[in-house]
Amino acid sequence: MADLGEGQSVCVRVQGVEVLVSQVHGQFYAVHAQCSHAAQSLAHAKVRGTQVRCPLHGARFDIRTGACLAAPAQAPLARFPVFIEAGKVCIDIE
């Protein structure tokens, strides 16, 4: 995952949790890859800049914080700390 390019995202499973990992402005971010509105997977969602858009109803979230930016969702996405260890991107889902 360390080869994830600027502006790119990938969906991975970490300890049974689906996580959307994105790189924006040289930083890695990770949020729960399931829309808080209708439990739709965000694995194939469009990521533009710092926002991810749910493909089902169009809810938008900030991938840096998980904050909900547009209805119909109202709750944020869970955000997970990301750190680099020995050149690998690591996600703490605890």
PDB file of N, CA and C in Angstrom:
ATOM      1  N   MET A   1       0.806  -1.192   0.000  1.00  0.00           N
ATOM      2  CA  MET A   1       0.000   0.000   0.000  1.00  0.00           C
ATOM      3  C   MET A   1       0.855   1.264   0.000  1.00  0.00           C
ATOM      4  N   ALA A   2       2.091   1.170   0.397  1.00  0.00           N
ATOM      5  CA  ALA A   2       2.969   2.344   0.410  1.00  0.00           C
ATOM      6  C   ALA A   2       3.159   2.917  -0.987  1.00  0.00           C
ATOM      7  N   ASP A   3       2.875   2.127  -2.019  1.00  0.00           N
ATOM      8  CA  ASP A   3       2.998   2.616  -3.385  1.00  0.00           C
ATOM      9  C   ASP A   3       1.709   3.292  -3.871  1.00  0.00           C
ATOM     10  N   LEU A   4       0.754   3.500  -2.976  1.00  0.00           N
ATOM     11  CA  LEU A   4      -0.473   4.212  -3.299  1.00  0.00           C
ATOM     12  C   LEU A   4      -0.104   5.645  -3.673  1.00  0.00           C
ATOM     13  N   GLY A   5      -0.452   6.042  -4.879  1.00  0.00           N
ATOM     14  CA  GLY A   5      -0.058   7.351  -5.387  1.00  0.00           C
ATOM     15  C   GLY A   5      -0.898   8.495  -4.865  1.00  0.00           C
ATOM     16  N   GLU A   6      -0.393   9.680  -5.049  1.00  0.00           N
ATOM     17  CA  GLU A   6      -1.091  10.900  -4.656  1.00  0.00           C
ATOM     18  C   GLU A   6      -2.489  10.932  -5.278  1.00  0.00           C
ATOM     19  N   GLY A   7      -3.497  11.174  -4.441  1.00  0.00           N
ATOM     20  CA  GLY A   7      -4.875  11.260  -4.918  1.00  0.00           C
ATOM     21  C   GLY A   7      -5.537   9.913  -5.149  1.00  0.00           C
ATOM     22  N   GLN A   8      -4.850   8.831  -4.837  1.00  0.00           N
ATOM     23  CA  GLN A   8      -5.425   7.500  -5.039  1.00  0.00           C
ATOM     24  C   GLN A   8      -5.982   6.934  -3.750  1.00  0.00           C
ATOM     25  N   SER A   9      -6.910   5.988  -3.897  1.00  0.00           N
ATOM     26  CA  SER A   9      -7.514   5.307  -2.764  1.00  0.00           C
ATOM     27  C   SER A   9      -7.601   3.823  -3.055  1.00  0.00           C
ATOM     28  N   VAL A  10      -7.644   3.048  -1.975  1.00  0.00           N
ATOM     29  CA  VAL A  10      -7.797   1.601  -2.096  1.00  0.00           C
ATOM     30  C   VAL A  10      -8.595   1.127  -0.884  1.00  0.00           C
ATOM     31  N   CYS A  11      -9.406   0.109  -1.101  1.00  0.00           N
ATOM     32  CA  CYS A  11     -10.170  -0.481  -0.021  1.00  0.00           C
ATOM     33  C   CYS A  11      -9.468  -1.764   0.415  1.00  0.00           C
ATOM     34  N   VAL A  12      -9.242  -1.888   1.719  1.00  0.00           N
ATOM     35  CA  VAL A  12      -8.575  -3.066   2.278  1.00  0.00           C
ATOM     36  C   VAL A  12      -9.384  -3.567   3.467  1.00  0.00           C
ATOM     37  N   ARG A  13      -9.158  -4.808   3.824  1.00  0.00           N
ATOM     38  CA  ARG A  13      -9.808  -5.388   5.000  1.00  0.00           C
ATOM     39  C   ARG A  13      -8.738  -5.547   6.081  1.00  0.00           C
ATOM     40  N   VAL A  14      -8.997  -4.952   7.249  1.00  0.00           N
ATOM     41  CA  VAL A  14      -8.073  -5.015   8.378  1.00  0.00           C
ATOM     42  C   VAL A  14      -8.830  -5.621   9.556  1.00  0.00           C
ATOM     43  N   GLN A  15      -8.421  -6.781   9.976  1.00  0.00           N
ATOM     44  CA  GLN A  15      -9.067  -7.488  11.078  1.00  0.00           C
ATOM     45  C   GLN A  15     -10.581  -7.532  10.910  1.00  0.00           C
ATOM     46  N   GLY A  16     -11.021  -7.827   9.685  1.00  0.00           N
ATOM     47  CA  GLY A  16     -12.441  -7.967   9.388  1.00  0.00           C
ATOM     48  C   GLY A  16     -13.187  -6.676   9.129  1.00  0.00           C
ATOM     49  N   VAL A  17     -12.498  -5.540   9.182  1.00  0.00           N
ATOM     50  CA  VAL A  17     -13.128  -4.237   8.954  1.00  0.00           C
ATOM     51  C   VAL A  17     -12.717  -3.723   7.579  1.00  0.00           C
ATOM     52  N   GLU A  18     -13.703  -3.311   6.776  1.00  0.00           N
ATOM     53  CA  GLU A  18     -13.420  -2.741   5.462  1.00  0.00           C
ATOM     54  C   GLU A  18     -12.994  -1.285   5.646  1.00  0.00           C
ATOM     55  N   VAL A  19     -11.796  -0.956   5.153  1.00  0.00           N
ATOM     56  CA  VAL A  19     -11.193   0.365   5.371  1.00  0.00           C
ATOM     57  C   VAL A  19     -10.822   0.985   4.026  1.00  0.00           C
ATOM     58  N   LEU A  20     -11.178   2.254   3.850  1.00  0.00           N
ATOM     59  CA  LEU A  20     -10.787   3.006   2.661  1.00  0.00           C
ATOM     60  C   LEU A  20      -9.546   3.814   3.018  1.00  0.00           C
ATOM     61  N   VAL A  21      -8.447   3.539   2.322  1.00  0.00           N
ATOM     62  CA  VAL A  21      -7.182   4.233   2.567  1.00  0.00           C
ATOM     63  C   VAL A  21      -6.913   5.152   1.376  1.00  0.00           C
ATOM     64  N   SER A  22      -6.597   6.402   1.655  1.00  0.00           N
ATOM     65  CA  SER A  22      -6.340   7.393   0.610  1.00  0.00           C
ATOM     66  C   SER A  22      -5.066   8.154   0.921  1.00  0.00           C
ATOM     67  N   GLN A  23      -4.413   8.612  -0.147  1.00  0.00           N
ATOM     68  CA  GLN A  23      -3.259   9.493   0.028  1.00  0.00           C
ATOM     69  C   GLN A  23      -3.614  10.850  -0.560  1.00  0.00           C
ATOM     70  N   VAL A  24      -3.511  11.879   0.275  1.00  0.00           N
ATOM     71  CA  VAL A  24      -3.825  13.241  -0.152  1.00  0.00           C
ATOM     72  C   VAL A  24      -2.726  14.162   0.368  1.00  0.00           C
ATOM     73  N   HIS A  25      -2.119  14.910  -0.530  1.00  0.00           N
ATOM     74  CA  HIS A  25      -1.047  15.853  -0.176  1.00  0.00           C
ATOM     75  C   HIS A  25       0.049  15.174   0.640  1.00  0.00           C
ATOM     76  N   GLY A  26       0.399  13.946   0.240  1.00  0.00           N
ATOM     77  CA  GLY A  26       1.492  13.226   0.878  1.00  0.00           C
ATOM     78  C   GLY A  26       1.147  12.556   2.195  1.00  0.00           C
ATOM     79  N   GLN A  27      -0.090  12.691   2.643  1.00  0.00           N
ATOM     80  CA  GLN A  27      -0.529  12.074   3.897  1.00  0.00           C
ATOM     81  C   GLN A  27      -1.478  10.919   3.603  1.00  0.00           C
ATOM     82  N   PHE A  28      -1.422   9.880   4.427  1.00  0.00           N
ATOM     83  CA  PHE A  28      -2.330   8.751   4.304  1.00  0.00           C
ATOM     84  C   PHE A  28      -3.459   8.907   5.316  1.00  0.00           C
ATOM     85  N   TYR A  29      -4.677   8.592   4.882  1.00  0.00           N
ATOM     86  CA  TYR A  29      -5.864   8.674   5.728  1.00  0.00           C
ATOM     87  C   TYR A  29      -6.647   7.377   5.590  1.00  0.00           C
ATOM     88  N   ALA A  30      -7.348   6.991   6.654  1.00  0.00           N
ATOM     89  CA  ALA A  30      -8.146   5.767   6.625  1.00  0.00           C
ATOM     90  C   ALA A  30      -9.483   6.008   7.320  1.00  0.00           C
ATOM     91  N   VAL A  31     -10.561   5.625   6.648  1.00  0.00           N
ATOM     92  CA  VAL A  31     -11.912   5.722   7.212  1.00  0.00           C
ATOM     93  C   VAL A  31     -12.637   4.407   6.959  1.00  0.00           C
ATOM     94  N   HIS A  32     -13.682   4.178   7.747  1.00  0.00           N
ATOM     95  CA  HIS A  32     -14.508   2.993   7.547  1.00  0.00           C
ATOM     96  C   HIS A  32     -15.124   3.072   6.153  1.00  0.00           C
ATOM     97  N   ALA A  33     -14.997   2.009   5.388  1.00  0.00           N
ATOM     98  CA  ALA A  33     -15.429   2.014   3.988  1.00  0.00           C
ATOM     99  C   ALA A  33     -16.876   1.569   3.843  1.00  0.00           C
ATOM    100  N   GLN A  34     -17.733   2.101   4.713  1.00  0.00           N
ATOM    101  CA  GLN A  34     -19.156   1.784   4.637  1.00  0.00           C
ATOM    102  C   GLN A  34     -19.927   3.053   4.979  1.00  0.00           C
ATOM    103  N   CYS A  35     -20.778   3.482   4.056  1.00  0.00           N
ATOM    104  CA  CYS A  35     -21.549   4.708   4.253  1.00  0.00           C
ATOM    105  C   CYS A  35     -22.381   4.606   5.526  1.00  0.00           C
ATOM    106  N   SER A  36     -22.380   5.672   6.317  1.00  0.00           N
ATOM    107  CA  SER A  36     -23.129   5.680   7.575  1.00  0.00           C
ATOM    108  C   SER A  36     -24.629   5.819   7.347  1.00  0.00           C
ATOM    109  N   HIS A  37     -25.047   6.104   6.129  1.00  0.00           N
ATOM    110  CA  HIS A  37     -26.470   6.267   5.834  1.00  0.00           C
ATOM    111  C   HIS A  37     -27.153   4.948   5.508  1.00  0.00           C
ATOM    112  N   ALA A  38     -26.609   4.194   4.557  1.00  0.00           N
ATOM    113  CA  ALA A  38     -27.293   2.982   4.106  1.00  0.00           C
ATOM    114  C   ALA A  38     -26.375   1.770   4.081  1.00  0.00           C
ATOM    115  N   ALA A  39     -25.266   1.837   4.794  1.00  0.00           N
ATOM    116  CA  ALA A  39     -24.310   0.724   4.885  1.00  0.00           C
ATOM    117  C   ALA A  39     -23.773   0.289   3.521  1.00  0.00           C
ATOM    118  N   GLN A  40     -23.765   1.187   2.556  1.00  0.00           N
ATOM    119  CA  GLN A  40     -23.237   0.911   1.217  1.00  0.00           C
ATOM    120  C   GLN A  40     -21.711   0.898   1.275  1.00  0.00           C
ATOM    121  N   SER A  41     -21.102  -0.078   0.634  1.00  0.00           N
ATOM    122  CA  SER A  41     -19.640  -0.132   0.571  1.00  0.00           C
ATOM    123  C   SER A  41     -19.112   1.063  -0.216  1.00  0.00           C
ATOM    124  N   LEU A  42     -18.015   1.613   0.261  1.00  0.00           N
ATOM    125  CA  LEU A  42     -17.355   2.719  -0.430  1.00  0.00           C
ATOM    126  C   LEU A  42     -16.149   2.236  -1.228  1.00  0.00           C
ATOM    127  N   ALA A  43     -16.059   0.923  -1.421  1.00  0.00           N
ATOM    128  CA  ALA A  43     -14.925   0.337  -2.137  1.00  0.00           C
ATOM    129  C   ALA A  43     -14.778   0.903  -3.542  1.00  0.00           C
ATOM    130  N   HIS A  44     -15.899   1.216  -4.195  1.00  0.00           N
ATOM    131  CA  HIS A  44     -15.841   1.737  -5.567  1.00  0.00           C
ATOM    132  C   HIS A  44     -16.354   3.174  -5.638  1.00  0.00           C
ATOM    133  N   ALA A  45     -16.325   3.850  -4.498  1.00  0.00           N
ATOM    134  CA  ALA A  45     -16.798   5.236  -4.453  1.00  0.00           C
ATOM    135  C   ALA A  45     -15.803   6.165  -5.125  1.00  0.00           C
ATOM    136  N   LYS A  46     -16.301   7.292  -5.568  1.00  0.00           N
ATOM    137  CA  LYS A  46     -15.430   8.291  -6.185  1.00  0.00           C
ATOM    138  C   LYS A  46     -14.789   9.143  -5.093  1.00  0.00           C
ATOM    139  N   VAL A  47     -13.466   9.252  -5.169  1.00  0.00           N
ATOM    140  CA  VAL A  47     -12.721  10.111  -4.256  1.00  0.00           C
ATOM    141  C   VAL A  47     -12.176  11.269  -5.072  1.00  0.00           C
ATOM    142  N   ARG A  48     -12.528  12.481  -4.656  1.00  0.00           N
ATOM    143  CA  ARG A  48     -12.049  13.686  -5.326  1.00  0.00           C
ATOM    144  C   ARG A  48     -11.470  14.609  -4.263  1.00  0.00           C
ATOM    145  N   GLY A  49     -10.189  14.850  -4.391  1.00  0.00           N
ATOM    146  CA  GLY A  49      -9.527  15.685  -3.390  1.00  0.00           C
ATOM    147  C   GLY A  49      -9.593  15.033  -2.028  1.00  0.00           C
ATOM    148  N   THR A  50     -10.253  15.686  -1.098  1.00  0.00           N
ATOM    149  CA  THR A  50     -10.357  15.153   0.264  1.00  0.00           C
ATOM    150  C   THR A  50     -11.746  14.588   0.557  1.00  0.00           C
ATOM    151  N   GLN A  51     -12.555  14.405  -0.492  1.00  0.00           N
ATOM    152  CA  GLN A  51     -13.913  13.927  -0.290  1.00  0.00           C
ATOM    153  C   GLN A  51     -14.176  12.600  -0.988  1.00  0.00           C
ATOM    154  N   VAL A  52     -14.967  11.756  -0.323  1.00  0.00           N
ATOM    155  CA  VAL A  52     -15.432  10.513  -0.921  1.00  0.00           C
ATOM    156  C   VAL A  52     -16.953  10.619  -1.032  1.00  0.00           C
ATOM    157  N   ARG A  53     -17.473  10.174  -2.178  1.00  0.00           N
ATOM    158  CA  ARG A  53     -18.913  10.252  -2.443  1.00  0.00           C
ATOM    159  C   ARG A  53     -19.491   8.849  -2.514  1.00  0.00           C
ATOM    160  N   CYS A  54     -20.515   8.584  -1.711  1.00  0.00           N
ATOM    161  CA  CYS A  54     -21.174   7.284  -1.714  1.00  0.00           C
ATOM    162  C   CYS A  54     -21.870   7.068  -3.056  1.00  0.00           C
ATOM    163  N   PRO A  55     -21.651   5.906  -3.689  1.00  0.00           N
ATOM    164  CA  PRO A  55     -22.259   5.656  -4.997  1.00  0.00           C
ATOM    165  C   PRO A  55     -23.765   5.409  -4.944  1.00  0.00           C
ATOM    166  N   LEU A  56     -24.327   5.137  -3.763  1.00  0.00           N
ATOM    167  CA  LEU A  56     -25.751   4.811  -3.684  1.00  0.00           C
ATOM    168  C   LEU A  56     -26.639   6.051  -3.667  1.00  0.00           C
ATOM    169  N   HIS A  57     -26.442   6.943  -2.712  1.00  0.00           N
ATOM    170  CA  HIS A  57     -27.306   8.117  -2.584  1.00  0.00           C
ATOM    171  C   HIS A  57     -26.562   9.450  -2.649  1.00  0.00           C
ATOM    172  N   GLY A  58     -25.242   9.409  -2.821  1.00  0.00           N
ATOM    173  CA  GLY A  58     -24.481  10.644  -3.002  1.00  0.00           C
ATOM    174  C   GLY A  58     -23.998  11.335  -1.742  1.00  0.00           C
ATOM    175  N   ALA A  59     -24.135  10.700  -0.593  1.00  0.00           N
ATOM    176  CA  ALA A  59     -23.601  11.313   0.632  1.00  0.00           C
ATOM    177  C   ALA A  59     -22.101  11.525   0.454  1.00  0.00           C
ATOM    178  N   ARG A  60     -21.576  12.606   1.031  1.00  0.00           N
ATOM    179  CA  ARG A  60     -20.148  12.899   0.926  1.00  0.00           C
ATOM    180  C   ARG A  60     -19.527  12.990   2.311  1.00  0.00           C
ATOM    181  N   PHE A  61     -18.255  12.557   2.371  1.00  0.00           N
ATOM    182  CA  PHE A  61     -17.513  12.541   3.628  1.00  0.00           C
ATOM    183  C   PHE A  61     -16.101  13.070   3.397  1.00  0.00           C
ATOM    184  N   ASP A  62     -15.529  13.668   4.427  1.00  0.00           N
ATOM    185  CA  ASP A  62     -14.139  14.115   4.394  1.00  0.00           C
ATOM    186  C   ASP A  62     -13.262  12.915   4.759  1.00  0.00           C
ATOM    187  N   ILE A  63     -12.362  12.510   3.875  1.00  0.00           N
ATOM    188  CA  ILE A  63     -11.539  11.323   4.134  1.00  0.00           C
ATOM    189  C   ILE A  63     -10.463  11.577   5.184  1.00  0.00           C
ATOM    190  N   ARG A  64     -10.196  12.843   5.501  1.00  0.00           N
ATOM    191  CA  ARG A  64      -9.212  13.155   6.538  1.00  0.00           C
ATOM    192  C   ARG A  64      -9.787  12.989   7.936  1.00  0.00           C
ATOM    193  N   THR A  65     -11.067  13.291   8.094  1.00  0.00           N
ATOM    194  CA  THR A  65     -11.677  13.296   9.428  1.00  0.00           C
ATOM    195  C   THR A  65     -12.851  12.335   9.570  1.00  0.00           C
ATOM    196  N   GLY A  66     -13.432  11.911   8.446  1.00  0.00           N
ATOM    197  CA  GLY A  66     -14.634  11.084   8.474  1.00  0.00           C
ATOM    198  C   GLY A  66     -15.905  11.903   8.554  1.00  0.00           C
ATOM    199  N   ALA A  67     -15.791  13.231   8.689  1.00  0.00           N
ATOM    200  CA  ALA A  67     -16.958  14.100   8.852  1.00  0.00           C
ATOM    201  C   ALA A  67     -17.915  13.975   7.679  1.00  0.00           C
ATOM    202  N   CYS A  68     -19.204  13.983   7.994  1.00  0.00           N
ATOM    203  CA  CYS A  68     -20.239  13.968   6.962  1.00  0.00           C
ATOM    204  C   CYS A  68     -20.357  15.375   6.385  1.00  0.00           C
ATOM    205  N   LEU A  69     -20.329  15.471   5.047  1.00  0.00           N
ATOM    206  CA  LEU A  69     -20.369  16.778   4.382  1.00  0.00           C
ATOM    207  C   LEU A  69     -21.662  17.030   3.623  1.00  0.00           C
ATOM    208  N   ALA A  70     -22.411  15.954   3.298  1.00  0.00           N
ATOM    209  CA  ALA A  70     -23.639  16.126   2.523  1.00  0.00           C
ATOM    210  C   ALA A  70     -24.618  15.000   2.810  1.00  0.00           C
ATOM    211  N   ALA A  71     -25.884  15.371   2.855  1.00  0.00           N
ATOM    212  CA  ALA A  71     -26.967  14.411   3.065  1.00  0.00           C
ATOM    213  C   ALA A  71     -27.034  13.446   1.872  1.00  0.00           C
ATOM    214  N   PRO A  72     -27.656  12.297   2.050  1.00  0.00           N
ATOM    215  CA  PRO A  72     -28.582  11.978   3.123  1.00  0.00           C
ATOM    216  C   PRO A  72     -27.921  11.465   4.401  1.00  0.00           C
ATOM    217  N   ALA A  73     -26.646  11.182   4.390  1.00  0.00           N
ATOM    218  CA  ALA A  73     -25.968  10.738   5.617  1.00  0.00           C
ATOM    219  C   ALA A  73     -25.898  11.900   6.599  1.00  0.00           C
ATOM    220  N   GLN A  74     -25.904  11.568   7.876  1.00  0.00           N
ATOM    221  CA  GLN A  74     -25.760  12.592   8.905  1.00  0.00           C
ATOM    222  C   GLN A  74     -24.629  12.250   9.870  1.00  0.00           C
ATOM    223  N   ALA A  75     -24.353  10.964  10.012  1.00  0.00           N
ATOM    224  CA  ALA A  75     -23.304  10.522  10.932  1.00  0.00           C
ATOM    225  C   ALA A  75     -21.963  10.447  10.207  1.00  0.00           C
ATOM    226  N   PRO A  76     -20.880  10.711  10.919  1.00  0.00           N
ATOM    227  CA  PRO A  76     -19.550  10.615  10.297  1.00  0.00           C
ATOM    228  C   PRO A  76     -19.123   9.169  10.104  1.00  0.00           C
ATOM    229  N   LEU A  77     -18.072   8.986   9.320  1.00  0.00           N
ATOM    230  CA  LEU A  77     -17.433   7.677   9.174  1.00  0.00           C
ATOM    231  C   LEU A  77     -16.400   7.542  10.287  1.00  0.00           C
ATOM    232  N   ALA A  78     -16.202   6.322  10.755  1.00  0.00           N
ATOM    233  CA  ALA A  78     -15.127   6.102  11.725  1.00  0.00           C
ATOM    234  C   ALA A  78     -13.800   6.391  11.034  1.00  0.00           C
ATOM    235  N   ARG A  79     -12.909   7.061  11.738  1.00  0.00           N
ATOM    236  CA  ARG A  79     -11.589   7.386  11.212  1.00  0.00           C
ATOM    237  C   ARG A  79     -10.579   6.560  11.988  1.00  0.00           C
ATOM    238  N   PHE A  80      -9.569   6.049  11.259  1.00  0.00           N
ATOM    239  CA  PHE A  80      -8.556   5.211  11.885  1.00  0.00           C
ATOM    240  C   PHE A  80      -7.180   5.855  11.753  1.00  0.00           C
ATOM    241  N   PRO A  81      -6.386   5.843  12.823  1.00  0.00           N
ATOM    242  CA  PRO A  81      -5.034   6.377  12.747  1.00  0.00           C
ATOM    243  C   PRO A  81      -4.175   5.577  11.760  1.00  0.00           C
ATOM    244  N   VAL A  82      -3.364   6.285  10.996  1.00  0.00           N
ATOM    245  CA  VAL A  82      -2.462   5.678  10.015  1.00  0.00           C
ATOM    246  C   VAL A  82      -1.040   6.079  10.381  1.00  0.00           C
ATOM    247  N   PHE A  83      -0.138   5.118  10.314  1.00  0.00           N
ATOM    248  CA  PHE A  83       1.269   5.421  10.559  1.00  0.00           C
ATOM    249  C   PHE A  83       2.126   4.571   9.631  1.00  0.00           C
ATOM    250  N   ILE A  84       3.330   5.028   9.371  1.00  0.00           N
ATOM    251  CA  ILE A  84       4.266   4.318   8.505  1.00  0.00           C
ATOM    252  C   ILE A  84       5.282   3.621   9.405  1.00  0.00           C
ATOM    253  N   GLU A  85       5.452   2.327   9.188  1.00  0.00           N
ATOM    254  CA  GLU A  85       6.409   1.549   9.976  1.00  0.00           C
ATOM    255  C   GLU A  85       7.219   0.671   9.034  1.00  0.00           C
ATOM    256  N   ALA A  86       8.520   0.851   9.028  1.00  0.00           N
ATOM    257  CA  ALA A  86       9.425   0.096   8.154  1.00  0.00           C
ATOM    258  C   ALA A  86       8.987   0.197   6.693  1.00  0.00           C
ATOM    259  N   GLY A  87       8.550   1.399   6.296  1.00  0.00           N
ATOM    260  CA  GLY A  87       8.156   1.633   4.911  1.00  0.00           C
ATOM    261  C   GLY A  87       6.783   1.114   4.541  1.00  0.00           C
ATOM    262  N   LYS A  88       6.021   0.617   5.522  1.00  0.00           N
ATOM    263  CA  LYS A  88       4.677   0.080   5.268  1.00  0.00           C
ATOM    264  C   LYS A  88       3.624   0.967   5.903  1.00  0.00           C
ATOM    265  N   VAL A  89       2.497   1.108   5.210  1.00  0.00           N
ATOM    266  CA  VAL A  89       1.365   1.851   5.753  1.00  0.00           C
ATOM    267  C   VAL A  89       0.616   0.937   6.716  1.00  0.00           C
ATOM    268  N   CYS A  90       0.472   1.374   7.965  1.00  0.00           N
ATOM    269  CA  CYS A  90      -0.200   0.579   8.993  1.00  0.00           C
ATOM    270  C   CYS A  90      -1.428   1.341   9.484  1.00  0.00           C
ATOM    271  N   ILE A  91      -2.497   0.611   9.776  1.00  0.00           N
ATOM    272  CA  ILE A  91      -3.748   1.197  10.222  1.00  0.00           C
ATOM    273  C   ILE A  91      -4.109   0.614  11.572  1.00  0.00           C
ATOM    274  N   ASP A  92      -4.418   1.485  12.514  1.00  0.00           N
ATOM    275  CA  ASP A  92      -4.814   1.049  13.850  1.00  0.00           C
ATOM    276  C   ASP A  92      -6.338   1.111  13.942  1.00  0.00           C
ATOM    277  N   ILE A  93      -7.005  -0.043  13.914  1.00  0.00           N
ATOM    278  CA  ILE A  93      -8.462  -0.038  13.973  1.00  0.00           C
ATOM    279  C   ILE A  93      -8.997  -0.230  15.390  1.00  0.00           C
ATOM    280  N   GLU A  94      -8.114  -0.312  16.347  1.00  0.00           N
ATOM    281  CA  GLU A  94      -8.560  -0.458  17.741  1.00  0.00           C
ATOM    282  C   GLU A  94      -9.251   0.799  18.115  1.00  0.00           C
TER     283      GLU A  94
END
